[in-house]
Protein backbone atom coordinates (compact mmCIF):
# COMPACT_ATOMS: atom_id res chain seq x y z
CA UNK A 1 0.00 0.00 0.00
CA UNK A 2 1.24 3.45 -0.91
CA UNK A 3 1.43 5.83 2.06
CA UNK A 4 1.27 9.38 0.70
CA UNK A 5 3.14 12.37 2.04
CA UNK A 6 0.97 15.32 3.12
CA UNK A 7 -0.42 17.10 0.06
CA UNK A 8 -3.60 18.70 -1.19
CA UNK A 9 -5.42 17.31 -4.22
CA UNK A 10 -4.86 19.16 -7.46
CA UNK A 11 -7.11 22.20 -7.91
CA UNK A 12 -9.31 21.71 -10.96
CA UNK A 13 -12.37 23.94 -10.74
CA UNK A 14 -14.60 21.24 -9.25
CA UNK A 15 -18.13 22.03 -8.17
CA UNK A 16 -19.45 21.18 -4.73
CA UNK A 17 -21.84 18.24 -4.55
CA UNK A 18 -22.15 17.73 -0.78
CA UNK A 19 -20.89 19.18 2.49
CA UNK A 20 -22.05 17.55 5.72
CA UNK A 21 -20.91 17.23 9.33
CA UNK A 22 -21.54 14.21 11.55
CA UNK A 23 -20.91 13.49 15.22
CA UNK A 24 -18.28 10.96 16.32
CA UNK A 25 -20.83 8.16 16.50
CA UNK A 26 -21.06 4.81 14.70
CA UNK A 27 -24.46 5.85 13.31
CA UNK A 28 -22.67 8.57 11.36
CA UNK A 29 -21.06 5.97 9.09
CA UNK A 30 -24.38 4.82 7.63
CA UNK A 31 -25.66 8.38 7.45
CA UNK A 32 -22.63 9.51 5.48
CA UNK A 33 -22.90 6.54 3.10
CA UNK A 34 -26.54 7.31 2.29
CA UNK A 35 -25.99 11.06 1.90
CA UNK A 36 -23.00 10.60 -0.40
CA UNK A 37 -24.81 8.09 -2.59
CA UNK A 38 -27.92 10.29 -2.80
CA UNK A 39 -25.86 13.39 -3.58
CA UNK A 40 -23.92 11.65 -6.35
CA UNK A 41 -27.12 10.30 -7.90
CA UNK A 42 -28.75 13.76 -7.71
CA UNK A 43 -25.69 15.21 -9.44
CA UNK A 44 -25.89 12.63 -12.25
CA UNK A 45 -22.71 10.85 -11.13
CA UNK A 46 -24.13 7.39 -10.46
CA UNK A 47 -21.09 5.64 -11.93
CA UNK A 48 -19.06 6.71 -8.88
CA UNK A 49 -21.53 5.56 -6.23
CA UNK A 50 -20.23 2.09 -5.45
CA UNK A 51 -16.60 3.09 -4.96
CA UNK A 52 -17.47 6.40 -3.30
CA UNK A 53 -19.70 4.76 -0.71
CA UNK A 54 -16.99 2.23 0.17
CA UNK A 55 -14.31 4.93 0.47
CA UNK A 56 -16.55 7.16 2.61
CA UNK A 57 -17.39 4.17 4.80
CA UNK A 58 -13.72 3.48 5.49
CA UNK A 59 -12.75 7.11 6.06
CA UNK A 60 -15.68 7.98 8.33
CA UNK A 61 -15.09 4.80 10.37
CA UNK A 62 -11.47 5.87 10.80
CA UNK A 63 -12.50 9.24 12.22
CA UNK A 64 -15.14 7.76 14.54
CA UNK A 65 -12.89 4.97 15.83
CA UNK A 66 -9.50 6.67 15.94
CA UNK A 67 -9.95 10.46 16.05
CA UNK A 68 -13.15 10.52 18.09
CA UNK A 69 -14.12 13.94 16.72
CA UNK A 70 -16.87 15.30 14.52
CA UNK A 71 -16.55 14.20 10.90
CA UNK A 72 -16.73 16.63 7.99
CA UNK A 73 -17.52 15.13 4.58
CA UNK A 74 -17.04 17.08 1.36
CA UNK A 75 -17.80 15.74 -2.10
CA UNK A 76 -17.03 17.70 -5.26
CA UNK A 77 -16.98 16.85 -8.92
CA UNK A 78 -14.85 17.91 -11.83
CA UNK A 79 -14.47 16.85 -15.43
CA UNK A 80 -14.31 13.04 -15.31
CA UNK A 81 -13.86 12.57 -11.57
CA UNK A 82 -15.21 13.09 -8.06
CA UNK A 83 -13.21 14.14 -5.03
CA UNK A 84 -14.10 12.82 -1.58
CA UNK A 85 -12.70 14.58 1.49
CA UNK A 86 -13.15 13.52 5.11
CA UNK A 87 -11.86 15.78 7.86
CA UNK A 88 -11.38 15.23 11.57
CA UNK A 89 -10.44 17.46 14.48
CA UNK A 90 -7.65 15.33 15.94
CA UNK A 91 -4.14 16.77 16.17
CA UNK A 92 -1.27 15.06 14.40
CA UNK A 93 -0.71 13.46 11.06
CA UNK A 94 -2.03 10.41 9.31
CA UNK A 95 -1.64 7.20 11.30
CA UNK A 96 -1.52 4.03 9.24
CA UNK A 97 -2.23 0.77 11.04
CA UNK A 98 -0.76 -2.31 9.44
CA UNK A 99 -3.43 -4.88 10.11
CA UNK A 100 -2.71 -8.53 9.47
CA UNK A 101 -5.02 -10.34 7.05
CA UNK A 102 -6.77 -12.05 9.98
CA UNK A 103 -7.31 -8.79 11.91
CA UNK A 104 -10.78 -7.26 11.94
CA UNK A 105 -9.37 -3.73 11.86
CA UNK A 106 -6.43 -1.92 10.32
CA UNK A 107 -7.38 -2.28 6.67
CA UNK A 108 -9.29 0.97 6.00
CA UNK A 109 -6.59 2.92 4.19
CA UNK A 110 -5.58 -0.19 2.22
CA UNK A 111 -9.16 -0.33 0.95
CA UNK A 112 -9.02 3.37 0.05
CA UNK A 113 -5.70 2.79 -1.72
CA UNK A 114 -7.27 -0.03 -3.75
CA UNK A 115 -10.47 1.82 -4.70
CA UNK A 116 -9.22 5.36 -5.31
CA UNK A 117 -7.33 6.49 -8.40
CA UNK A 118 -5.35 8.82 -6.14
CA UNK A 119 -5.53 9.68 -2.45
CA UNK A 120 -3.65 11.62 0.14
CA UNK A 121 -3.97 13.77 3.22
CA UNK A 122 -3.16 17.23 4.45
CA UNK A 123 -2.99 18.96 7.82
CA UNK A 124 -5.30 21.79 8.70
CA UNK A 125 -5.53 24.16 11.66
CA UNK A 126 -7.57 21.69 13.72
CA UNK A 127 -6.95 18.16 12.50
CA UNK A 128 -6.45 16.67 9.08
CA UNK A 129 -8.23 15.88 5.82
CA UNK A 130 -7.94 12.58 3.99
CA UNK A 131 -8.99 12.84 0.35
CA UNK A 132 -9.61 10.35 -2.43
CA UNK A 133 -10.09 11.01 -6.14
CA UNK A 134 -12.22 8.63 -8.19
CA UNK A 135 -11.78 8.90 -11.93
CA UNK A 136 -14.57 8.20 -14.40
CA UNK A 137 -13.07 4.95 -15.60
CA UNK A 138 -13.71 1.80 -13.63
CA UNK A 139 -11.60 -1.30 -14.24
CA UNK A 140 -10.66 -0.13 -17.72
CA UNK A 141 -14.22 0.71 -18.78
CA UNK A 142 -14.63 4.22 -20.17
CA UNK A 143 -16.85 6.67 -18.32
CA UNK A 144 -20.37 6.93 -19.65
CA UNK A 145 -20.40 3.38 -21.01
CA UNK A 146 -23.01 2.30 -18.48
CA UNK A 147 -20.58 0.41 -16.26
CA UNK A 148 -20.06 1.29 -12.61
């Protein structure tokens, strides 16, 4: 798994699709999944839903379980991609757990690394933001072809 150095995603003139804040509660994970999927469908970006929901699930769980702070979710869309950002209020940088295959936890960022076309993190005044970019091609299938 690639562990990125702190960086912001490339600026590309994306438009906002969703901004939401959730409490540090396990119920927030399901709420974020539903809101992200609904927002992507409303924005005509259905092809991203499956991967986006899985990435949001992993990132929101990480904040709830490890940071224990409110969770901020931002979704934006640009030409041929969506950008998912999940922010927490915990001090410090990105902590990567190296879970063994038999462990129940410690695989979240590995899942993000597998599903996202690019991902990274950046510090902010109060906490950090983990972001993931999903491009419009899924498993070699061109965007708009009805797949994904």
